[in-house]
Amino acid sequence: MYSLLLAPPSSLLTSIKWNCVLKSSLVSFEDFDPSKVLVDREAISNVNPHRHELALLDGILFSTEESAVGYIDITEDMFWVRGHFPGRPLMPGVLICECAAQLSSYFASTTGMVDDEYVVGLGGLDGIKFRGPVVPGDRLILMLRRGKVRKNAMFTAEFQAFVNEGIVAEGVIRGVALRG
C-alpha cells in the first residue's frame, strides 16, 4: 500500500485498488441528488471570502442545521495539477482539507454559528486520514456534521470526503470566528 504522501508510479495510480474504507457516511447519499445544486459558486462567494484559485467549492448539494454536503469537480486546469505530481496529478491532501474548511465556513455562516460581522477561519484539524486518491476527472463530495459550537467563537465538525461514494479523507475540523 502506498502512502498518499508518496505518489506511486502513474501506471499504478490506475491499477491499484486503494484502501477506501467502507464506512457509513455522515449524510446518506440517498438524502441528496448530486446533480441538483442548491447553492452555486456565485452564491457561495456571497458568504465565503475566498476568491480566485482558492475559491474551491463548486456548489452545495444539501444543508440542514446539523449537516451539509458540498462538492468540487476536479479538472486538468487546476493550479496544482502541473506540479503535484507532473504526469500523474494527485490532489494535495491540504487542498482536500481546505475544501472541507470552506464548506464548514459556509455552513457556520448560514446556520447562525457566527453573526454577519464575522468570517470563519481555520482553527485546527484533528484525526485527519487520507484513504484514497483524488485526481482530475473526479467529483469530490464533502460532508460535514456539526459538533460543538460556541457562537461567535469556535465550532467543530466531523468531515468526510468521497469520490464515487468511496471515502478518500476524513477528520475533524475546527473553525474560529474572526471579526470581519
N, C-alpha and C. Protein backbone atom coordinates (compact mmCIF):
# COMPACT_ATOMS: atom_id res chain seq x y z
N MET A 1 0.85 -1.18 0.00
CA MET A 1 0.00 0.00 0.00
C MET A 1 0.89 1.23 0.00
N TYR A 2 0.58 2.18 -0.84
CA TYR A 2 1.33 3.41 -0.94
C TYR A 2 0.75 4.48 -0.05
N SER A 3 1.59 5.29 0.53
CA SER A 3 1.15 6.46 1.27
C SER A 3 0.73 7.52 0.27
N LEU A 4 -0.25 8.32 0.60
CA LEU A 4 -0.65 9.40 -0.30
C LEU A 4 0.38 10.51 -0.33
N LEU A 5 1.32 10.49 0.60
CA LEU A 5 2.38 11.50 0.57
C LEU A 5 3.43 11.16 -0.48
N LEU A 6 3.54 9.91 -0.83
CA LEU A 6 4.48 9.47 -1.86
C LEU A 6 3.67 8.86 -2.99
N ALA A 7 3.68 9.51 -4.13
CA ALA A 7 2.86 9.04 -5.24
C ALA A 7 3.45 7.78 -5.85
N PRO A 8 2.63 6.80 -6.13
CA PRO A 8 3.11 5.61 -6.84
C PRO A 8 3.34 5.95 -8.30
N PRO A 9 4.07 5.13 -9.02
CA PRO A 9 4.22 5.38 -10.45
C PRO A 9 2.86 5.53 -11.11
N SER A 10 2.78 6.36 -12.15
CA SER A 10 1.49 6.68 -12.77
C SER A 10 0.72 5.44 -13.21
N SER A 11 1.42 4.41 -13.66
CA SER A 11 0.71 3.20 -14.08
C SER A 11 0.01 2.54 -12.91
N LEU A 12 0.53 2.73 -11.70
CA LEU A 12 -0.08 2.13 -10.53
C LEU A 12 -1.28 2.91 -10.04
N LEU A 13 -1.32 4.23 -10.31
CA LEU A 13 -2.45 5.04 -9.86
C LEU A 13 -3.76 4.48 -10.38
N THR A 14 -3.74 3.96 -11.58
CA THR A 14 -4.98 3.43 -12.14
C THR A 14 -5.17 1.95 -11.85
N SER A 15 -4.10 1.24 -11.51
CA SER A 15 -4.24 -0.20 -11.33
C SER A 15 -4.33 -0.63 -9.87
N ILE A 16 -3.94 0.22 -8.93
CA ILE A 16 -4.01 -0.15 -7.52
C ILE A 16 -5.44 -0.02 -7.03
N LYS A 17 -5.88 -0.98 -6.28
CA LYS A 17 -7.17 -0.85 -5.58
C LYS A 17 -6.84 -0.19 -4.25
N TRP A 18 -7.16 1.09 -4.14
CA TRP A 18 -6.86 1.84 -2.93
C TRP A 18 -7.74 1.35 -1.80
N ASN A 19 -7.22 1.45 -0.61
CA ASN A 19 -7.94 1.00 0.58
C ASN A 19 -8.95 2.06 1.01
N CYS A 20 -10.02 2.23 0.24
CA CYS A 20 -11.09 3.16 0.58
C CYS A 20 -12.03 2.43 1.54
N VAL A 21 -11.85 2.71 2.81
CA VAL A 21 -12.56 2.01 3.86
C VAL A 21 -14.07 2.18 3.70
N LEU A 22 -14.79 1.08 3.84
CA LEU A 22 -16.24 1.15 3.83
C LEU A 22 -16.67 1.64 5.21
N LYS A 23 -17.30 2.79 5.22
CA LYS A 23 -17.68 3.42 6.46
C LYS A 23 -18.98 4.15 6.19
N SER A 24 -19.85 4.24 7.17
CA SER A 24 -21.09 4.95 6.92
C SER A 24 -20.80 6.45 6.78
N SER A 25 -21.50 7.06 5.85
CA SER A 25 -21.28 8.48 5.57
C SER A 25 -22.04 9.32 6.60
N LEU A 26 -21.55 10.54 6.81
CA LEU A 26 -22.18 11.47 7.74
C LEU A 26 -23.58 11.85 7.28
N VAL A 27 -23.77 11.89 5.98
CA VAL A 27 -25.07 12.16 5.37
C VAL A 27 -25.30 11.03 4.37
N SER A 28 -26.47 10.45 4.37
CA SER A 28 -26.75 9.37 3.44
C SER A 28 -26.74 9.90 2.00
N PHE A 29 -26.14 9.15 1.11
CA PHE A 29 -26.15 9.53 -0.31
C PHE A 29 -27.56 9.54 -0.87
N GLU A 30 -28.47 8.89 -0.20
CA GLU A 30 -29.88 8.89 -0.63
C GLU A 30 -30.60 10.19 -0.26
N ASP A 31 -29.99 11.02 0.61
CA ASP A 31 -30.63 12.26 1.07
C ASP A 31 -30.43 13.44 0.13
N PHE A 32 -29.61 13.29 -0.89
CA PHE A 32 -29.37 14.40 -1.82
C PHE A 32 -29.14 13.86 -3.22
N ASP A 33 -29.36 14.74 -4.18
CA ASP A 33 -29.14 14.42 -5.59
C ASP A 33 -27.87 15.14 -6.03
N PRO A 34 -26.79 14.41 -6.37
CA PRO A 34 -25.53 15.06 -6.73
C PRO A 34 -25.61 15.89 -8.00
N SER A 35 -26.68 15.77 -8.76
CA SER A 35 -26.83 16.59 -9.96
C SER A 35 -27.67 17.85 -9.70
N LYS A 36 -28.21 17.98 -8.48
CA LYS A 36 -29.06 19.11 -8.15
C LYS A 36 -28.33 20.06 -7.19
N VAL A 37 -27.80 21.13 -7.74
CA VAL A 37 -27.04 22.11 -6.96
C VAL A 37 -28.01 23.08 -6.30
N LEU A 38 -27.94 23.14 -4.96
CA LEU A 38 -28.81 24.05 -4.21
C LEU A 38 -28.22 25.46 -4.13
N VAL A 39 -26.89 25.52 -4.00
CA VAL A 39 -26.17 26.79 -3.90
C VAL A 39 -24.98 26.71 -4.83
N ASP A 40 -24.89 27.65 -5.79
CA ASP A 40 -23.80 27.61 -6.77
C ASP A 40 -22.59 28.41 -6.29
N ARG A 41 -21.55 28.39 -7.10
CA ARG A 41 -20.29 29.04 -6.78
C ARG A 41 -20.48 30.53 -6.46
N GLU A 42 -21.29 31.21 -7.27
CA GLU A 42 -21.52 32.64 -7.06
C GLU A 42 -22.19 32.91 -5.72
N ALA A 43 -23.19 32.12 -5.38
CA ALA A 43 -23.88 32.30 -4.09
C ALA A 43 -22.95 31.96 -2.92
N ILE A 44 -22.07 30.98 -3.08
CA ILE A 44 -21.09 30.66 -2.04
C ILE A 44 -20.19 31.87 -1.82
N SER A 45 -19.80 32.55 -2.91
CA SER A 45 -18.90 33.70 -2.78
C SER A 45 -19.57 34.89 -2.08
N ASN A 46 -20.90 34.89 -1.99
CA ASN A 46 -21.59 35.92 -1.22
C ASN A 46 -21.45 35.69 0.28
N VAL A 47 -21.05 34.48 0.67
CA VAL A 47 -20.90 34.12 2.08
C VAL A 47 -19.42 33.96 2.44
N ASN A 48 -18.68 33.18 1.66
CA ASN A 48 -17.27 32.90 1.95
C ASN A 48 -16.38 33.98 1.33
N PRO A 49 -15.29 34.35 2.01
CA PRO A 49 -14.39 35.38 1.47
C PRO A 49 -13.38 34.87 0.44
N HIS A 50 -13.31 33.58 0.19
CA HIS A 50 -12.29 33.01 -0.70
C HIS A 50 -12.52 33.48 -2.14
N ARG A 51 -11.43 33.76 -2.85
CA ARG A 51 -11.51 34.25 -4.22
C ARG A 51 -10.44 33.57 -5.09
N HIS A 52 -10.63 33.73 -6.38
CA HIS A 52 -9.69 33.27 -7.41
C HIS A 52 -9.40 31.78 -7.27
N GLU A 53 -8.13 31.38 -7.35
CA GLU A 53 -7.79 29.96 -7.32
C GLU A 53 -8.17 29.27 -6.02
N LEU A 54 -8.32 30.03 -4.95
CA LEU A 54 -8.63 29.41 -3.67
C LEU A 54 -10.11 29.41 -3.32
N ALA A 55 -10.96 29.80 -4.21
CA ALA A 55 -12.40 29.58 -4.05
C ALA A 55 -12.66 28.19 -4.62
N LEU A 56 -12.62 27.19 -3.78
CA LEU A 56 -12.57 25.81 -4.25
C LEU A 56 -13.93 25.15 -4.44
N LEU A 57 -14.90 25.46 -3.61
CA LEU A 57 -16.20 24.78 -3.71
C LEU A 57 -16.95 25.18 -4.96
N ASP A 58 -17.47 24.20 -5.67
CA ASP A 58 -18.30 24.47 -6.85
C ASP A 58 -19.77 24.59 -6.49
N GLY A 59 -20.20 23.93 -5.41
CA GLY A 59 -21.60 24.02 -5.06
C GLY A 59 -21.92 23.32 -3.76
N ILE A 60 -23.13 23.61 -3.26
CA ILE A 60 -23.69 22.96 -2.08
C ILE A 60 -24.86 22.10 -2.56
N LEU A 61 -24.88 20.84 -2.13
CA LEU A 61 -25.90 19.89 -2.56
C LEU A 61 -26.95 19.61 -1.50
N PHE A 62 -26.63 19.91 -0.24
CA PHE A 62 -27.52 19.56 0.86
C PHE A 62 -27.12 20.41 2.05
N SER A 63 -28.11 20.90 2.81
CA SER A 63 -27.79 21.66 4.01
C SER A 63 -28.96 21.64 4.98
N THR A 64 -28.67 21.32 6.23
CA THR A 64 -29.64 21.39 7.32
C THR A 64 -28.94 22.11 8.47
N GLU A 65 -29.59 22.21 9.61
CA GLU A 65 -28.96 22.82 10.79
C GLU A 65 -27.84 21.94 11.35
N GLU A 66 -27.83 20.67 11.00
CA GLU A 66 -26.87 19.72 11.56
C GLU A 66 -25.78 19.26 10.59
N SER A 67 -26.02 19.36 9.29
CA SER A 67 -25.05 18.82 8.34
C SER A 67 -25.14 19.53 6.99
N ALA A 68 -24.10 19.33 6.19
CA ALA A 68 -24.04 19.93 4.86
C ALA A 68 -23.23 19.04 3.94
N VAL A 69 -23.51 19.17 2.64
CA VAL A 69 -22.77 18.44 1.60
C VAL A 69 -22.43 19.43 0.50
N GLY A 70 -21.16 19.47 0.13
CA GLY A 70 -20.70 20.31 -0.97
C GLY A 70 -19.86 19.49 -1.92
N TYR A 71 -19.43 20.13 -3.01
CA TYR A 71 -18.61 19.38 -3.96
C TYR A 71 -17.67 20.32 -4.70
N ILE A 72 -16.65 19.70 -5.29
CA ILE A 72 -15.73 20.36 -6.23
C ILE A 72 -15.45 19.36 -7.34
N ASP A 73 -15.58 19.82 -8.58
CA ASP A 73 -15.20 18.99 -9.73
C ASP A 73 -13.73 19.23 -10.02
N ILE A 74 -12.95 18.16 -10.02
CA ILE A 74 -11.51 18.25 -10.19
C ILE A 74 -11.21 18.23 -11.69
N THR A 75 -10.54 19.30 -12.16
CA THR A 75 -10.26 19.45 -13.59
C THR A 75 -8.76 19.53 -13.85
N GLU A 76 -8.39 19.28 -15.10
CA GLU A 76 -6.99 19.32 -15.52
C GLU A 76 -6.36 20.71 -15.42
N ASP A 77 -7.18 21.77 -15.40
CA ASP A 77 -6.62 23.13 -15.41
C ASP A 77 -6.48 23.73 -14.01
N MET A 78 -6.65 22.95 -12.96
CA MET A 78 -6.47 23.47 -11.61
C MET A 78 -5.00 23.78 -11.35
N PHE A 79 -4.76 24.80 -10.52
CA PHE A 79 -3.40 25.32 -10.35
C PHE A 79 -2.39 24.30 -9.85
N TRP A 80 -2.80 23.27 -9.14
CA TRP A 80 -1.88 22.31 -8.55
C TRP A 80 -1.53 21.14 -9.47
N VAL A 81 -2.32 20.95 -10.54
CA VAL A 81 -2.16 19.76 -11.40
C VAL A 81 -0.77 19.69 -12.02
N ARG A 82 -0.26 20.80 -12.49
CA ARG A 82 1.02 20.82 -13.19
C ARG A 82 2.18 20.38 -12.30
N GLY A 83 2.11 20.68 -11.01
CA GLY A 83 3.26 20.40 -10.15
C GLY A 83 3.07 19.30 -9.12
N HIS A 84 1.87 18.75 -8.95
CA HIS A 84 1.63 17.75 -7.89
C HIS A 84 0.89 16.56 -8.45
N PHE A 85 1.43 15.70 -9.08
CA PHE A 85 2.81 15.47 -9.49
C PHE A 85 2.83 15.48 -11.01
N PRO A 86 3.91 16.02 -11.64
CA PRO A 86 3.95 16.07 -13.10
C PRO A 86 3.74 14.69 -13.73
N GLY A 87 2.78 14.64 -14.66
CA GLY A 87 2.49 13.39 -15.35
C GLY A 87 1.53 12.46 -14.62
N ARG A 88 1.28 12.71 -13.36
CA ARG A 88 0.36 11.88 -12.57
C ARG A 88 -0.26 12.73 -11.45
N PRO A 89 -1.11 13.68 -11.82
CA PRO A 89 -1.65 14.61 -10.83
C PRO A 89 -2.46 13.92 -9.73
N LEU A 90 -2.20 14.34 -8.51
CA LEU A 90 -2.85 13.82 -7.33
C LEU A 90 -3.19 15.02 -6.45
N MET A 91 -4.46 15.23 -6.15
CA MET A 91 -4.86 16.40 -5.37
C MET A 91 -4.17 16.38 -4.01
N PRO A 92 -3.49 17.48 -3.66
CA PRO A 92 -2.82 17.53 -2.35
C PRO A 92 -3.83 17.41 -1.21
N GLY A 93 -3.47 16.64 -0.20
CA GLY A 93 -4.33 16.47 0.95
C GLY A 93 -4.70 17.78 1.62
N VAL A 94 -3.77 18.71 1.64
CA VAL A 94 -4.05 20.00 2.26
C VAL A 94 -5.19 20.73 1.54
N LEU A 95 -5.32 20.52 0.23
CA LEU A 95 -6.42 21.15 -0.51
C LEU A 95 -7.75 20.43 -0.25
N ILE A 96 -7.70 19.14 -0.01
CA ILE A 96 -8.92 18.43 0.39
C ILE A 96 -9.39 19.01 1.72
N CYS A 97 -8.46 19.21 2.64
CA CYS A 97 -8.81 19.81 3.94
C CYS A 97 -9.32 21.24 3.76
N GLU A 98 -8.73 21.99 2.84
CA GLU A 98 -9.20 23.36 2.57
C GLU A 98 -10.61 23.35 2.01
N CYS A 99 -10.94 22.39 1.18
CA CYS A 99 -12.32 22.26 0.69
C CYS A 99 -13.28 22.04 1.85
N ALA A 100 -12.89 21.17 2.77
CA ALA A 100 -13.72 20.92 3.96
C ALA A 100 -13.83 22.19 4.80
N ALA A 101 -12.74 22.95 4.91
CA ALA A 101 -12.76 24.20 5.67
C ALA A 101 -13.71 25.21 5.03
N GLN A 102 -13.72 25.27 3.70
CA GLN A 102 -14.61 26.20 3.03
C GLN A 102 -16.07 25.78 3.18
N LEU A 103 -16.34 24.49 3.16
CA LEU A 103 -17.70 24.02 3.41
C LEU A 103 -18.10 24.37 4.84
N SER A 104 -17.20 24.18 5.79
CA SER A 104 -17.52 24.50 7.19
C SER A 104 -17.73 26.00 7.38
N SER A 105 -16.97 26.82 6.66
CA SER A 105 -17.15 28.27 6.72
C SER A 105 -18.54 28.67 6.23
N TYR A 106 -18.93 28.11 5.10
CA TYR A 106 -20.26 28.38 4.55
C TYR A 106 -21.33 27.89 5.54
N PHE A 107 -21.17 26.69 6.04
CA PHE A 107 -22.13 26.07 6.95
C PHE A 107 -22.29 26.90 8.22
N ALA A 108 -21.19 27.29 8.84
CA ALA A 108 -21.24 28.08 10.08
C ALA A 108 -21.90 29.43 9.84
N SER A 109 -21.60 30.03 8.71
CA SER A 109 -22.14 31.36 8.40
C SER A 109 -23.63 31.34 8.07
N THR A 110 -24.11 30.24 7.55
CA THR A 110 -25.52 30.17 7.12
C THR A 110 -26.43 29.47 8.13
N THR A 111 -25.88 28.94 9.20
CA THR A 111 -26.71 28.27 10.20
C THR A 111 -26.66 28.98 11.55
N GLY A 112 -26.18 30.22 11.58
CA GLY A 112 -26.23 31.01 12.80
C GLY A 112 -25.13 30.75 13.81
N MET A 113 -24.09 30.01 13.43
CA MET A 113 -22.99 29.79 14.37
C MET A 113 -22.14 31.04 14.55
N VAL A 114 -22.13 31.88 13.53
CA VAL A 114 -21.43 33.17 13.60
C VAL A 114 -22.35 34.25 13.04
N ASP A 115 -22.26 35.44 13.61
CA ASP A 115 -23.04 36.57 13.12
C ASP A 115 -22.37 37.16 11.88
N ASP A 116 -23.09 38.04 11.20
CA ASP A 116 -22.64 38.59 9.91
C ASP A 116 -21.32 39.35 9.98
N GLU A 117 -20.97 39.92 11.11
CA GLU A 117 -19.72 40.70 11.18
C GLU A 117 -18.47 39.82 11.32
N TYR A 118 -18.64 38.51 11.32
CA TYR A 118 -17.52 37.58 11.44
C TYR A 118 -17.28 36.83 10.13
N VAL A 119 -16.04 36.46 9.92
CA VAL A 119 -15.69 35.47 8.90
C VAL A 119 -15.15 34.26 9.67
N VAL A 120 -15.20 33.11 9.05
CA VAL A 120 -14.75 31.90 9.71
C VAL A 120 -13.35 31.54 9.21
N GLY A 121 -12.44 31.36 10.15
CA GLY A 121 -11.08 30.95 9.82
C GLY A 121 -10.85 29.51 10.30
N LEU A 122 -9.82 28.91 9.76
CA LEU A 122 -9.45 27.55 10.15
C LEU A 122 -8.70 27.61 11.47
N GLY A 123 -9.23 26.91 12.47
CA GLY A 123 -8.61 26.89 13.79
C GLY A 123 -7.81 25.64 14.06
N GLY A 124 -8.07 24.58 13.30
CA GLY A 124 -7.32 23.35 13.51
C GLY A 124 -7.95 22.17 12.80
N LEU A 125 -7.17 21.11 12.72
CA LEU A 125 -7.60 19.85 12.12
C LEU A 125 -7.15 18.73 13.05
N ASP A 126 -8.02 17.78 13.28
CA ASP A 126 -7.68 16.65 14.15
C ASP A 126 -8.04 15.34 13.46
N GLY A 127 -7.22 14.32 13.71
CA GLY A 127 -7.52 12.97 13.25
C GLY A 127 -7.67 12.83 11.75
N ILE A 128 -6.93 13.61 10.99
CA ILE A 128 -7.06 13.57 9.53
C ILE A 128 -6.48 12.25 9.01
N LYS A 129 -7.25 11.62 8.13
CA LYS A 129 -6.78 10.40 7.47
C LYS A 129 -7.10 10.53 5.98
N PHE A 130 -6.12 10.20 5.17
CA PHE A 130 -6.31 10.16 3.72
C PHE A 130 -6.37 8.70 3.32
N ARG A 131 -7.44 8.34 2.61
CA ARG A 131 -7.71 6.93 2.35
C ARG A 131 -7.74 6.57 0.88
N GLY A 132 -7.61 7.54 0.00
CA GLY A 132 -7.65 7.26 -1.43
C GLY A 132 -7.28 8.49 -2.23
N PRO A 133 -6.97 8.31 -3.51
CA PRO A 133 -6.53 9.42 -4.35
C PRO A 133 -7.72 10.24 -4.87
N VAL A 134 -7.43 11.49 -5.17
CA VAL A 134 -8.37 12.39 -5.86
C VAL A 134 -7.60 12.93 -7.05
N VAL A 135 -8.13 12.70 -8.25
CA VAL A 135 -7.41 13.04 -9.48
C VAL A 135 -8.35 13.80 -10.43
N PRO A 136 -7.77 14.49 -11.43
CA PRO A 136 -8.62 15.18 -12.41
C PRO A 136 -9.65 14.22 -13.01
N GLY A 137 -10.87 14.74 -13.17
CA GLY A 137 -11.99 13.95 -13.65
C GLY A 137 -12.91 13.50 -12.52
N ASP A 138 -12.42 13.57 -11.27
CA ASP A 138 -13.22 13.16 -10.12
C ASP A 138 -14.14 14.30 -9.67
N ARG A 139 -15.25 13.94 -9.07
CA ARG A 139 -16.07 14.87 -8.31
C ARG A 139 -15.83 14.52 -6.84
N LEU A 140 -15.27 15.47 -6.10
CA LEU A 140 -15.01 15.29 -4.68
C LEU A 140 -16.24 15.80 -3.92
N ILE A 141 -16.92 14.89 -3.22
CA ILE A 141 -18.09 15.21 -2.41
C ILE A 141 -17.62 15.34 -0.96
N LEU A 142 -17.97 16.46 -0.33
CA LEU A 142 -17.57 16.72 1.05
C LEU A 142 -18.81 16.74 1.93
N MET A 143 -18.72 16.05 3.05
CA MET A 143 -19.82 16.01 4.02
C MET A 143 -19.33 16.53 5.35
N LEU A 144 -20.23 17.20 6.04
CA LEU A 144 -19.89 17.83 7.30
C LEU A 144 -21.02 17.59 8.28
N ARG A 145 -20.68 17.26 9.53
CA ARG A 145 -21.69 17.15 10.58
C ARG A 145 -21.27 18.00 11.77
N ARG A 146 -22.17 18.85 12.18
CA ARG A 146 -21.94 19.80 13.26
C ARG A 146 -21.53 19.09 14.54
N GLY A 147 -20.54 19.68 15.22
CA GLY A 147 -20.09 19.19 16.52
C GLY A 147 -20.40 20.23 17.58
N LYS A 148 -19.39 20.57 18.38
CA LYS A 148 -19.55 21.58 19.44
C LYS A 148 -19.55 22.98 18.84
N VAL A 149 -20.35 23.86 19.43
CA VAL A 149 -20.44 25.23 18.95
C VAL A 149 -20.41 26.19 20.14
N ARG A 150 -19.56 27.20 20.06
CA ARG A 150 -19.61 28.38 20.93
C ARG A 150 -19.82 29.55 19.99
N LYS A 151 -21.05 30.05 19.95
CA LYS A 151 -21.43 31.08 18.98
C LYS A 151 -20.44 32.25 18.99
N ASN A 152 -20.07 32.66 17.76
CA ASN A 152 -19.14 33.78 17.54
C ASN A 152 -17.75 33.55 18.15
N ALA A 153 -17.41 32.31 18.43
CA ALA A 153 -16.09 32.00 18.98
C ALA A 153 -15.45 30.84 18.20
N MET A 154 -16.02 29.65 18.32
CA MET A 154 -15.45 28.48 17.64
C MET A 154 -16.49 27.40 17.48
N PHE A 155 -16.18 26.44 16.61
CA PHE A 155 -17.03 25.27 16.43
C PHE A 155 -16.18 24.13 15.92
N THR A 156 -16.69 22.93 16.08
CA THR A 156 -16.04 21.75 15.49
C THR A 156 -17.06 21.04 14.62
N ALA A 157 -16.55 20.29 13.67
CA ALA A 157 -17.39 19.49 12.79
C ALA A 157 -16.58 18.30 12.28
N GLU A 158 -17.23 17.15 12.22
CA GLU A 158 -16.64 16.00 11.54
C GLU A 158 -16.78 16.24 10.05
N PHE A 159 -15.79 15.80 9.27
CA PHE A 159 -15.95 15.86 7.83
C PHE A 159 -15.49 14.57 7.19
N GLN A 160 -16.06 14.31 6.03
CA GLN A 160 -15.65 13.19 5.19
C GLN A 160 -15.60 13.69 3.75
N ALA A 161 -14.70 13.11 2.97
CA ALA A 161 -14.60 13.41 1.54
C ALA A 161 -14.72 12.09 0.78
N PHE A 162 -15.48 12.13 -0.31
CA PHE A 162 -15.77 10.92 -1.08
C PHE A 162 -15.53 11.15 -2.57
N VAL A 163 -15.11 10.08 -3.25
CA VAL A 163 -15.10 10.01 -4.71
C VAL A 163 -15.85 8.73 -5.05
N ASN A 164 -16.88 8.84 -5.88
CA ASN A 164 -17.69 7.67 -6.26
C ASN A 164 -18.17 6.89 -5.04
N GLU A 165 -18.58 7.59 -4.01
CA GLU A 165 -19.10 7.03 -2.76
C GLU A 165 -18.07 6.24 -1.96
N GLY A 166 -16.78 6.30 -2.37
CA GLY A 166 -15.70 5.71 -1.58
C GLY A 166 -15.01 6.81 -0.80
N ILE A 167 -14.82 6.59 0.49
CA ILE A 167 -14.22 7.63 1.33
C ILE A 167 -12.73 7.81 0.98
N VAL A 168 -12.32 9.06 0.80
CA VAL A 168 -10.92 9.36 0.47
C VAL A 168 -10.23 10.18 1.55
N ALA A 169 -11.01 10.80 2.45
CA ALA A 169 -10.42 11.56 3.55
C ALA A 169 -11.48 11.76 4.62
N GLU A 170 -10.99 11.96 5.85
CA GLU A 170 -11.90 12.22 6.97
C GLU A 170 -11.13 12.87 8.09
N GLY A 171 -11.87 13.51 9.00
CA GLY A 171 -11.25 14.12 10.15
C GLY A 171 -12.22 15.05 10.85
N VAL A 172 -11.67 15.85 11.74
CA VAL A 172 -12.43 16.85 12.48
C VAL A 172 -11.82 18.20 12.18
N ILE A 173 -12.67 19.14 11.89
CA ILE A 173 -12.23 20.49 11.57
C ILE A 173 -12.70 21.44 12.66
N ARG A 174 -11.86 22.42 13.00
CA ARG A 174 -12.20 23.42 13.99
C ARG A 174 -12.20 24.77 13.31
N GLY A 175 -13.31 25.47 13.42
CA GLY A 175 -13.41 26.81 12.85
C GLY A 175 -13.40 27.85 13.96
N VAL A 176 -12.83 29.01 13.66
CA VAL A 176 -12.81 30.11 14.63
C VAL A 176 -13.43 31.33 13.98
N ALA A 177 -14.15 32.10 14.78
CA ALA A 177 -14.78 33.32 14.29
C ALA A 177 -13.79 34.47 14.35
N LEU A 178 -13.60 35.13 13.23
CA LEU A 178 -12.70 36.28 13.13
C LEU A 178 -13.52 37.51 12.77
N ARG A 179 -13.30 38.59 13.47
CA ARG A 179 -14.03 39.82 13.12
C ARG A 179 -13.65 40.25 11.72
N GLY A 180 -14.71 40.44 10.90
CA GLY A 180 -14.51 40.81 9.50
C GLY A 180 -14.15 42.25 9.39
